[in-house]
Amino acid sequence: MVDSVLNRSAGGPALRLETLIRIRWLAVIGQTVAVLLVAHFLRYDFYLSLCLALIAASAWLNVFLRLRYRASFRLTEVAAVALLGYDILQLAMLLFLTGGLQNPFSMLLIVPVIVSATTQSIRQILPLAILAVGAASALVFFHLPLPWEDGASLQLPLAYVSGMWVAIFSMMVFTAVYTYRVADEARQLSAALAATELVLQREQHLSTLDGLAAAAAHELGTPLATIALVSKEMIRELPQGSPLSEDAQLLRGQAERCRQILGKLTSLSEAGDDLIGRVPLSSVMEEVAAPHRDFGIELVVTPGSIAGEPKCMRNPAILYGLGNLVENAIDFAASRVEFTGNWDDQAITITIADDGPGFPPDLIERIGEPYVTTRRRDTRQTGGGLGLGLFIAKTLLERAGASIEFANAETGGAIVTVRWPRAMADTSNTVVPAEIPDELAASS
């Protein structure tokens, strides 16, 4: 499920048609105002009718798309490239009629490329960039004169026009790459957060099953007690050795077995609130370490020896987050991982240290970001991570109130320190409700 979320987001979300329509309306209004100002305020002579016809074509295209498709419609890759390509060609025709690259509005050729870079993949951005560069190159040599005062013409030197072309090309490349990188990081972060939510939801769902099992046990308690009572009376009334007496004894035995099963189910939630839900820190650490002891790496668990060991809630987010950190340490350790707990009156601290290569100094400040791989695996290990596991662990632990620090030991190896304020994590002084009496005890 997590992989499907990441795969869906890898190519970026589909562009909404409504977004393009609104951007094109801004372009239509801007182009209309520009040509009317030049024609009527500056009184420059140029092909105003043709310019207005091109602008009207964009307006009618918007009207058609808005009537044909719903506002929530999302474009396919080909459709998005086609509509943005039309915007480039329409603007190129306007520039052809109004001076080519000598027109200061020629910089707007890069806008459709930037719009594509915010949401689309490289294979969609490249055709638009090539089209925009091709249009700019053609406008260097093929264009009508720049609108100017009557009886005069303005012809800028080729060197200046070439400079405009270089400026458009440079701005397009820089802005598109920058926009794509920023948008891509936002998409990756969104996908990683979605994966985190799925992991947490799954862990919480498993925890909720305990409560549901206990509720079912209580609901079944009364009818099962009735069955046990009736079968007891039947055994007492029926003569020994009769077939009905044997059936009644069998019914009595099965009712007792059901009572024992329901008692176990009840203990998962009710007794678990105290015995499982609230456990000493050493028990939490042992539960986290248990699945990682058989990988050829020595895992040393030191829960601390100071008096007054805190009791913590058995939080699925904490168990998953710490387990991921321990697993990461074992993946990169040479021979030993130390899993150490400590506490005082102010804080509860857990430290995970390994004797591996440590974190790369150039990435240590970015550890915990999605898709940042922290360390290279050696020849003993296969595969490679995207850094998503550490991101999920860090997110879950921080949501549980912890702060996390990543560092390298002076003697080599990596150290991860997880710290909670003791008042937030320690539940030793929390009042626990009394256990609910067993409804079936009276019938046994």
Protein backbone atom coordinates (compact mmCIF):
# COMPACT_ATOMS: atom_id res chain seq x y z
CA MET A 1 0.00 0.00 0.00
CA VAL A 2 2.85 2.37 0.85
CA ASP A 3 4.62 1.52 -2.41
CA SER A 4 1.44 2.28 -4.38
CA VAL A 5 1.24 5.73 -2.82
CA LEU A 6 4.84 6.46 -3.79
CA ASN A 7 4.43 5.11 -7.30
CA ARG A 8 1.33 7.20 -7.95
CA SER A 9 3.14 10.36 -6.87
CA ALA A 10 6.38 9.69 -8.72
CA GLY A 11 5.22 11.26 -11.96
CA GLY A 12 3.43 14.12 -10.31
CA PRO A 13 -0.31 14.75 -10.11
CA ALA A 14 -2.33 15.33 -13.28
CA LEU A 15 -2.83 19.00 -14.10
CA ARG A 16 -6.36 20.29 -13.56
CA LEU A 17 -8.02 21.79 -16.62
CA GLU A 18 -9.51 24.55 -14.45
CA THR A 19 -5.99 25.72 -13.56
CA LEU A 20 -5.02 26.17 -17.21
CA ILE A 21 -8.30 27.91 -17.99
CA ARG A 22 -7.78 30.46 -15.24
CA ILE A 23 -4.18 31.13 -16.27
CA ARG A 24 -5.26 31.54 -19.89
CA TRP A 25 -7.97 34.04 -18.86
CA LEU A 26 -5.25 36.10 -17.16
CA ALA A 27 -3.23 35.93 -20.38
CA VAL A 28 -6.26 36.95 -22.47
CA ILE A 29 -6.95 39.96 -20.25
CA GLY A 30 -3.29 40.99 -20.17
CA GLN A 31 -2.85 40.65 -23.93
CA THR A 32 -6.04 42.59 -24.62
CA VAL A 33 -5.04 45.45 -22.34
CA ALA A 34 -1.53 45.56 -23.81
CA VAL A 35 -2.58 45.75 -27.48
CA LEU A 36 -5.35 48.30 -26.79
CA LEU A 37 -2.98 50.54 -24.85
CA VAL A 38 -0.42 50.41 -27.63
CA ALA A 39 -3.06 51.07 -30.31
CA HIS A 40 -5.17 53.78 -28.63
CA PHE A 41 -3.01 55.32 -25.91
CA LEU A 42 0.41 55.27 -27.60
CA ARG A 43 -1.23 55.42 -31.06
CA TYR A 44 1.25 53.05 -32.64
CA ASP A 45 0.27 51.47 -35.94
CA PHE A 46 0.27 47.65 -36.12
CA TYR A 47 -2.06 44.79 -37.06
CA LEU A 48 -4.55 45.30 -34.24
CA SER A 49 -7.33 43.23 -35.83
CA LEU A 50 -5.13 40.18 -36.27
CA CYS A 51 -3.86 40.49 -32.68
CA LEU A 52 -7.41 40.71 -31.34
CA ALA A 53 -8.37 37.69 -33.45
CA LEU A 54 -5.57 35.63 -31.89
CA ILE A 55 -6.62 36.75 -28.42
CA ALA A 56 -10.24 35.92 -29.20
CA ALA A 57 -9.19 32.43 -30.29
CA SER A 58 -7.76 31.80 -26.80
CA ALA A 59 -10.92 33.18 -25.20
CA TRP A 60 -13.16 30.96 -27.31
CA LEU A 61 -10.97 27.95 -26.54
CA ASN A 62 -11.45 28.66 -22.84
CA VAL A 63 -15.21 28.92 -23.27
CA PHE A 64 -15.34 25.64 -25.20
CA LEU A 65 -13.21 23.77 -22.63
CA ARG A 66 -15.21 25.15 -19.72
CA LEU A 67 -18.50 24.07 -21.27
CA ARG A 68 -17.22 20.71 -22.47
CA TYR A 69 -15.50 19.50 -19.31
CA ARG A 70 -16.18 19.75 -15.59
CA ALA A 71 -14.05 21.96 -13.37
CA SER A 72 -12.50 18.96 -11.63
CA PHE A 73 -11.39 17.33 -14.91
CA ARG A 74 -7.69 16.42 -14.93
CA LEU A 75 -5.70 16.41 -18.14
CA THR A 76 -3.77 13.53 -19.59
CA GLU A 77 -0.11 14.09 -20.37
CA VAL A 78 -0.74 14.52 -24.08
CA ALA A 79 -3.63 16.95 -23.51
CA ALA A 80 -1.62 19.07 -21.07
CA VAL A 81 1.29 19.33 -23.51
CA ALA A 82 -1.09 20.18 -26.36
CA LEU A 83 -2.84 23.01 -24.48
CA LEU A 84 0.39 24.52 -23.15
CA GLY A 85 1.93 24.16 -26.62
CA TYR A 86 -1.00 26.09 -28.03
CA ASP A 87 -0.31 28.89 -25.53
CA ILE A 88 3.30 29.08 -26.74
CA LEU A 89 2.29 29.18 -30.39
CA GLN A 90 -0.45 31.77 -29.79
CA LEU A 91 1.98 34.06 -27.98
CA ALA A 92 4.61 33.47 -30.69
CA MET A 93 2.10 34.62 -33.34
CA LEU A 94 1.32 37.76 -31.34
CA LEU A 95 5.04 38.47 -31.05
CA PHE A 96 5.46 37.86 -34.80
CA LEU A 97 2.89 40.60 -35.45
CA THR A 98 4.47 42.99 -32.93
CA GLY A 99 8.24 42.93 -33.43
CA GLY A 100 9.40 39.43 -32.51
CA LEU A 101 12.03 39.28 -29.77
CA GLN A 102 12.33 43.06 -29.90
CA ASN A 103 9.00 43.12 -28.09
CA PRO A 104 9.63 43.26 -24.32
CA PHE A 105 6.75 40.83 -23.74
CA SER A 106 8.73 38.08 -25.48
CA MET A 107 9.87 36.93 -22.01
CA LEU A 108 6.39 35.50 -21.51
CA LEU A 109 7.30 32.60 -23.78
CA ILE A 110 8.73 30.84 -20.75
CA VAL A 111 5.44 30.90 -18.77
CA PRO A 112 3.87 27.69 -20.22
CA VAL A 113 7.12 25.85 -19.57
CA ILE A 114 7.14 27.00 -15.94
CA VAL A 115 3.48 26.00 -15.53
CA SER A 116 4.36 22.54 -16.82
CA ALA A 117 7.39 22.33 -14.51
CA THR A 118 5.23 22.81 -11.41
CA THR A 119 3.17 19.66 -11.92
CA GLN A 120 4.45 17.57 -14.83
CA SER A 121 7.30 15.18 -15.49
CA ILE A 122 10.46 15.78 -17.50
CA ARG A 123 9.06 14.06 -20.58
CA GLN A 124 6.27 16.65 -20.69
CA ILE A 125 8.47 19.65 -19.91
CA LEU A 126 11.08 18.95 -22.59
CA PRO A 127 8.76 19.16 -25.64
CA LEU A 128 7.37 22.47 -24.40
CA ALA A 129 10.85 23.84 -23.74
CA ILE A 130 12.01 22.80 -27.23
CA LEU A 131 8.91 24.41 -28.75
CA ALA A 132 9.48 27.65 -26.83
CA VAL A 133 13.16 27.80 -27.79
CA GLY A 134 12.28 27.03 -31.41
CA ALA A 135 9.66 29.80 -31.46
CA ALA A 136 12.12 32.27 -29.93
CA SER A 137 14.77 31.30 -32.49
CA ALA A 138 12.35 31.80 -35.39
CA LEU A 139 11.28 35.21 -34.02
CA VAL A 140 14.87 36.42 -34.14
CA PHE A 141 14.74 36.42 -37.96
CA PHE A 142 11.04 36.32 -38.88
CA HIS A 143 8.75 39.03 -37.54
CA LEU A 144 6.92 42.19 -38.52
CA PRO A 145 8.33 45.56 -37.44
CA LEU A 146 8.01 46.61 -33.82
CA PRO A 147 5.08 49.08 -33.46
CA TRP A 148 6.48 52.62 -33.35
CA GLU A 149 5.57 56.21 -34.00
CA ASP A 150 4.22 57.23 -37.41
CA GLY A 151 6.93 57.87 -39.95
CA ALA A 152 9.59 56.14 -37.86
CA SER A 153 10.73 52.60 -37.27
CA LEU A 154 12.83 51.01 -34.57
CA GLN A 155 15.17 48.27 -35.65
CA LEU A 156 17.31 46.93 -32.82
CA PRO A 157 20.76 45.48 -33.61
CA LEU A 158 21.06 41.73 -34.11
CA ALA A 159 23.43 41.55 -31.15
CA TYR A 160 20.71 42.96 -28.86
CA VAL A 161 18.08 40.58 -30.24
CA SER A 162 20.51 37.69 -29.83
CA GLY A 163 21.00 38.79 -26.25
CA MET A 164 17.25 38.67 -25.75
CA TRP A 165 17.26 35.10 -27.09
CA VAL A 166 20.03 34.12 -24.68
CA ALA A 167 18.14 35.79 -21.83
CA ILE A 168 14.94 33.90 -22.67
CA PHE A 169 16.80 30.61 -22.95
CA SER A 170 18.73 31.14 -19.70
CA MET A 171 15.68 32.26 -17.79
CA MET A 172 13.67 29.33 -19.11
CA VAL A 173 16.27 26.75 -18.10
CA PHE A 174 16.97 28.24 -14.68
CA THR A 175 13.35 28.91 -13.74
CA ALA A 176 12.05 25.60 -15.06
CA VAL A 177 14.74 23.59 -13.26
CA TYR A 178 14.26 25.55 -10.04
CA THR A 179 10.47 25.27 -10.18
CA TYR A 180 10.60 21.58 -11.02
CA ARG A 181 12.96 20.85 -8.12
CA VAL A 182 10.86 22.75 -5.60
CA ALA A 183 7.62 21.16 -6.81
CA ASP A 184 9.20 17.71 -6.94
CA GLU A 185 10.41 18.00 -3.35
CA ALA A 186 6.91 19.06 -2.31
CA ARG A 187 5.46 16.03 -4.11
CA GLN A 188 7.96 13.71 -2.45
CA LEU A 189 7.21 15.18 0.96
CA SER A 190 3.50 14.78 0.37
CA ALA A 191 3.98 11.16 -0.72
CA ALA A 192 6.18 10.42 2.29
CA LEU A 193 3.64 11.94 4.66
CA ALA A 194 0.92 9.85 3.04
CA ALA A 195 3.05 6.74 3.54
CA THR A 196 3.57 7.72 7.18
CA GLU A 197 -0.16 8.08 7.69
CA LEU A 198 -0.72 4.62 6.18
CA VAL A 199 1.85 3.04 8.48
CA LEU A 200 0.44 4.73 11.55
CA GLN A 201 -3.13 3.89 10.54
CA ARG A 202 -2.21 0.23 10.15
CA GLU A 203 -0.51 0.11 13.55
CA GLN A 204 -3.42 1.85 15.23
CA HIS A 205 -5.86 -0.51 13.52
CA LEU A 206 -4.04 -3.50 15.01
CA SER A 207 -4.20 -1.89 18.46
CA THR A 208 -7.91 -1.19 18.06
CA LEU A 209 -8.58 -4.89 17.51
CA ASP A 210 -7.79 -5.50 21.19
CA GLY A 211 -10.60 -3.21 22.27
CA LEU A 212 -13.02 -4.73 19.77
CA ALA A 213 -12.20 -8.23 21.01
CA ALA A 214 -12.81 -7.19 24.60
CA ALA A 215 -16.13 -5.58 23.69
CA ALA A 216 -17.22 -8.76 21.91
CA ALA A 217 -16.22 -10.82 24.96
CA HIS A 218 -18.37 -8.71 27.26
CA GLU A 219 -21.34 -8.83 24.89
CA LEU A 220 -21.14 -12.64 24.72
CA GLY A 221 -20.65 -12.99 28.45
CA THR A 222 -24.31 -12.90 29.49
CA PRO A 223 -25.70 -15.50 27.02
CA LEU A 224 -22.73 -17.77 27.70
CA ALA A 225 -23.36 -17.52 31.46
CA THR A 226 -26.97 -18.51 30.83
CA ILE A 227 -25.87 -21.54 28.80
CA ALA A 228 -23.47 -22.56 31.56
CA LEU A 229 -26.17 -22.22 34.22
CA VAL A 230 -28.78 -24.19 32.25
CA SER A 231 -26.32 -26.98 31.44
CA LYS A 232 -25.39 -27.22 35.13
CA GLU A 233 -29.03 -27.62 36.09
CA MET A 234 -29.52 -30.25 33.37
CA ILE A 235 -26.60 -32.30 34.67
CA ARG A 236 -28.04 -32.14 38.16
CA GLU A 237 -31.54 -33.27 37.09
CA LEU A 238 -30.67 -35.94 34.50
CA PRO A 239 -29.73 -39.49 35.62
CA GLN A 240 -26.10 -40.46 35.35
CA GLY A 241 -25.18 -42.46 32.27
CA SER A 242 -28.04 -41.25 30.10
CA PRO A 243 -27.27 -39.87 26.61
CA LEU A 244 -28.80 -36.52 27.54
CA SER A 245 -26.54 -36.31 30.59
CA GLU A 246 -23.47 -36.84 28.44
CA ASP A 247 -24.66 -34.14 26.04
CA ALA A 248 -25.27 -31.78 28.94
CA GLN A 249 -21.78 -32.43 30.30
CA LEU A 250 -20.32 -31.81 26.82
CA LEU A 251 -22.30 -28.57 26.59
CA ARG A 252 -21.03 -27.60 30.05
CA GLY A 253 -17.41 -28.30 29.03
CA GLN A 254 -17.69 -26.31 25.82
CA ALA A 255 -19.25 -23.39 27.71
CA GLU A 256 -16.33 -23.46 30.13
CA ARG A 257 -13.90 -23.47 27.21
CA CYS A 258 -15.68 -20.48 25.67
CA ARG A 259 -15.46 -18.72 29.05
CA GLN A 260 -11.69 -19.20 29.11
CA ILE A 261 -11.29 -17.95 25.51
CA LEU A 262 -13.38 -14.86 26.18
CA GLY A 263 -11.38 -14.23 29.33
CA LYS A 264 -8.19 -14.13 27.25
CA LEU A 265 -9.79 -11.78 24.74
CA THR A 266 -10.90 -9.47 27.53
CA SER A 267 -7.39 -9.36 28.97
CA LEU A 268 -6.04 -8.06 25.65
CA SER A 269 -7.72 -4.70 26.24
CA GLU A 270 -8.74 -4.40 29.90
CA ALA A 271 -5.76 -5.95 31.58
CA GLY A 272 -3.66 -4.72 28.70
CA ASP A 273 -4.38 -1.13 29.64
CA ASP A 274 -2.29 -1.70 32.74
CA LEU A 275 -0.13 -4.72 31.95
CA ILE A 276 0.46 -4.15 28.23
CA GLY A 277 -0.64 -0.61 27.43
CA ARG A 278 1.48 0.79 30.28
CA VAL A 279 4.84 -0.97 30.50
CA PRO A 280 8.28 -0.17 31.92
CA LEU A 281 10.77 1.43 29.57
CA SER A 282 12.91 -1.73 29.67
CA SER A 283 9.96 -3.78 28.37
CA VAL A 284 9.41 -1.33 25.52
CA MET A 285 13.08 -1.60 24.56
CA GLU A 286 13.02 -5.40 24.70
CA GLU A 287 9.93 -5.52 22.52
CA VAL A 288 11.58 -3.22 19.98
CA ALA A 289 14.85 -5.21 19.99
CA ALA A 290 13.37 -8.73 19.85
CA PRO A 291 12.75 -8.90 16.05
CA HIS A 292 16.31 -7.74 15.28
CA ARG A 293 18.45 -10.20 17.26
CA ASP A 294 19.02 -12.84 14.57
CA PHE A 295 20.90 -10.88 11.90
CA GLY A 296 24.50 -11.65 12.86
CA ILE A 297 24.93 -8.33 14.67
CA GLU A 298 25.30 -8.17 18.47
CA LEU A 299 22.42 -6.09 19.82
CA VAL A 300 23.12 -4.97 23.38
CA VAL A 301 20.08 -3.63 25.24
CA THR A 302 20.87 -1.54 28.33
CA PRO A 303 17.64 -0.16 29.76
CA GLY A 304 19.27 1.82 32.57
CA SER A 305 19.90 1.15 36.25
CA ILE A 306 18.72 4.33 37.98
CA ALA A 307 15.88 3.88 40.47
CA GLY A 308 12.41 4.99 39.49
CA GLU A 309 12.12 3.39 36.05
CA PRO A 310 9.40 5.17 34.07
CA LYS A 311 6.36 3.43 32.68
CA CYS A 312 5.36 4.39 29.16
CA MET A 313 2.28 3.86 27.05
CA ARG A 314 2.71 1.06 24.54
CA ASN A 315 2.28 3.40 21.61
CA PRO A 316 2.40 1.75 18.12
CA ALA A 317 4.01 4.90 16.69
CA ILE A 318 6.85 4.73 19.24
CA LEU A 319 7.38 1.00 18.71
CA TYR A 320 7.51 1.41 14.94
CA GLY A 321 9.76 4.48 15.07
CA LEU A 322 12.29 2.96 17.48
CA GLY A 323 12.20 -0.35 15.60
CA ASN A 324 13.03 1.41 12.36
CA LEU A 325 15.99 3.20 13.95
CA VAL A 326 17.30 -0.07 15.42
CA GLU A 327 16.88 -1.82 12.06
CA ASN A 328 18.76 0.97 10.30
CA ALA A 329 21.61 0.71 12.83
CA ILE A 330 21.84 -3.06 12.35
CA ASP A 331 21.88 -2.66 8.57
CA PHE A 332 25.05 -0.56 8.74
CA ALA A 333 26.79 -1.90 11.85
CA ALA A 334 30.01 -3.85 11.51
CA SER A 335 29.42 -6.12 14.51
CA ARG A 336 27.64 -4.33 17.38
CA VAL A 337 24.66 -2.08 18.11
CA GLU A 338 24.08 -0.56 21.54
CA PHE A 339 20.46 0.18 22.47
CA THR A 340 20.62 2.22 25.67
CA GLY A 341 17.95 3.81 27.83
CA ASN A 342 18.36 6.43 30.53
CA TRP A 343 16.20 8.78 32.55
CA ASP A 344 16.20 11.48 35.17
CA ASP A 345 13.64 13.82 36.65
CA GLN A 346 13.49 15.89 33.46
CA ALA A 347 13.72 13.56 30.48
CA ILE A 348 13.70 9.99 29.18
CA THR A 349 16.48 9.31 26.69
CA ILE A 350 17.06 6.38 24.34
CA THR A 351 20.34 6.10 22.42
CA ILE A 352 21.01 3.82 19.44
CA ALA A 353 24.70 3.57 18.51
CA ASP A 354 26.42 1.33 15.97
CA ASP A 355 30.03 0.70 14.96
CA GLY A 356 29.44 1.20 11.24
CA PRO A 357 30.72 3.92 8.88
CA GLY A 358 28.54 6.64 10.42
CA PHE A 359 26.54 9.32 8.67
CA PRO A 360 28.12 11.25 5.77
CA PRO A 361 29.11 14.70 7.12
CA ASP A 362 27.56 16.44 4.10
CA LEU A 363 24.16 14.82 4.71
CA ILE A 364 23.96 14.73 8.49
CA GLU A 365 21.92 17.93 8.66
CA ARG A 366 19.39 16.57 6.14
CA ILE A 367 18.89 13.17 7.74
CA GLY A 368 15.23 12.53 8.33
CA GLU A 369 14.07 14.26 5.17
CA PRO A 370 12.20 12.02 2.74
CA TYR A 371 14.26 10.29 0.03
CA VAL A 372 17.63 11.24 1.56
CA THR A 373 19.74 8.08 1.75
CA THR A 374 21.96 8.47 4.79
CA ARG A 375 24.67 5.86 4.34
CA ARG A 376 25.99 3.63 1.60
CA ARG A 377 25.69 -0.08 2.18
CA ASP A 378 28.85 -2.18 2.12
CA THR A 379 29.45 -5.26 0.01
CA ARG A 380 27.73 -7.51 2.57
CA GLN A 381 24.41 -5.85 2.02
CA THR A 382 22.12 -5.65 -0.94
CA GLY A 383 19.60 -3.12 -1.99
CA GLY A 384 19.42 0.49 -1.02
CA GLY A 385 17.03 2.74 0.78
CA LEU A 386 15.43 5.99 -0.22
CA GLY A 387 15.59 7.46 3.29
CA LEU A 388 11.82 7.09 3.62
CA GLY A 389 12.14 4.72 6.59
CA LEU A 390 14.05 7.26 8.65
CA PHE A 391 11.60 9.96 7.64
CA ILE A 392 8.66 7.85 8.82
CA ALA A 393 10.43 6.96 12.08
CA LYS A 394 11.34 10.58 12.75
CA THR A 395 7.82 11.79 11.96
CA LEU A 396 6.13 9.20 14.18
CA LEU A 397 8.46 9.81 17.12
CA GLU A 398 8.13 13.58 16.87
CA ARG A 399 4.35 13.24 16.80
CA ALA A 400 4.68 11.24 20.02
CA GLY A 401 6.49 14.20 21.62
CA ALA A 402 10.10 13.15 21.08
CA SER A 403 13.07 15.10 19.76
CA ILE A 404 15.67 13.27 17.65
CA GLU A 405 19.35 14.02 17.12
CA PHE A 406 21.65 12.37 14.58
CA ALA A 407 25.42 12.45 15.13
CA ASN A 408 28.65 10.54 14.57
CA ALA A 409 30.72 9.15 17.43
CA GLU A 410 34.31 10.30 17.78
CA THR A 411 35.48 6.68 17.59
CA GLY A 412 33.36 5.97 14.52
CA GLY A 413 29.80 4.88 13.97
CA ALA A 414 26.48 6.65 14.12
CA ILE A 415 24.51 7.74 17.18
CA VAL A 416 20.78 8.47 17.22
CA THR A 417 19.38 10.05 20.38
CA VAL A 418 15.64 10.09 21.08
CA ARG A 419 14.49 12.20 24.01
CA TRP A 420 11.08 12.80 25.63
CA PRO A 421 10.19 15.17 28.45
CA ARG A 422 9.55 12.84 31.38
CA ALA A 423 6.28 14.53 32.28
CA MET A 424 4.97 13.69 28.79
CA ALA A 425 6.18 10.07 28.45
CA ASP A 426 6.07 8.70 32.01
CA THR A 427 2.65 7.35 33.07
CA SER A 428 3.76 5.82 36.38
CA ASN A 429 1.55 8.16 38.40
CA THR A 430 -1.50 7.88 36.15
CA VAL A 431 -4.58 6.45 37.85
CA VAL A 432 -5.69 3.20 36.23
CA PRO A 433 -9.39 2.21 36.35
CA ALA A 434 -10.21 -0.92 38.34
CA GLU A 435 -10.59 -4.13 36.38
CA ILE A 436 -14.12 -5.11 35.36
CA PRO A 437 -15.27 -8.28 37.20
CA ASP A 438 -15.59 -11.40 35.13
CA GLU A 439 -19.23 -11.88 34.21
CA LEU A 440 -18.79 -15.62 33.90
CA ALA A 441 -17.14 -16.23 37.25
CA ALA A 442 -20.48 -16.75 39.02
CA SER A 443 -21.51 -19.48 36.67
CA SER A 444 -18.37 -21.60 36.94
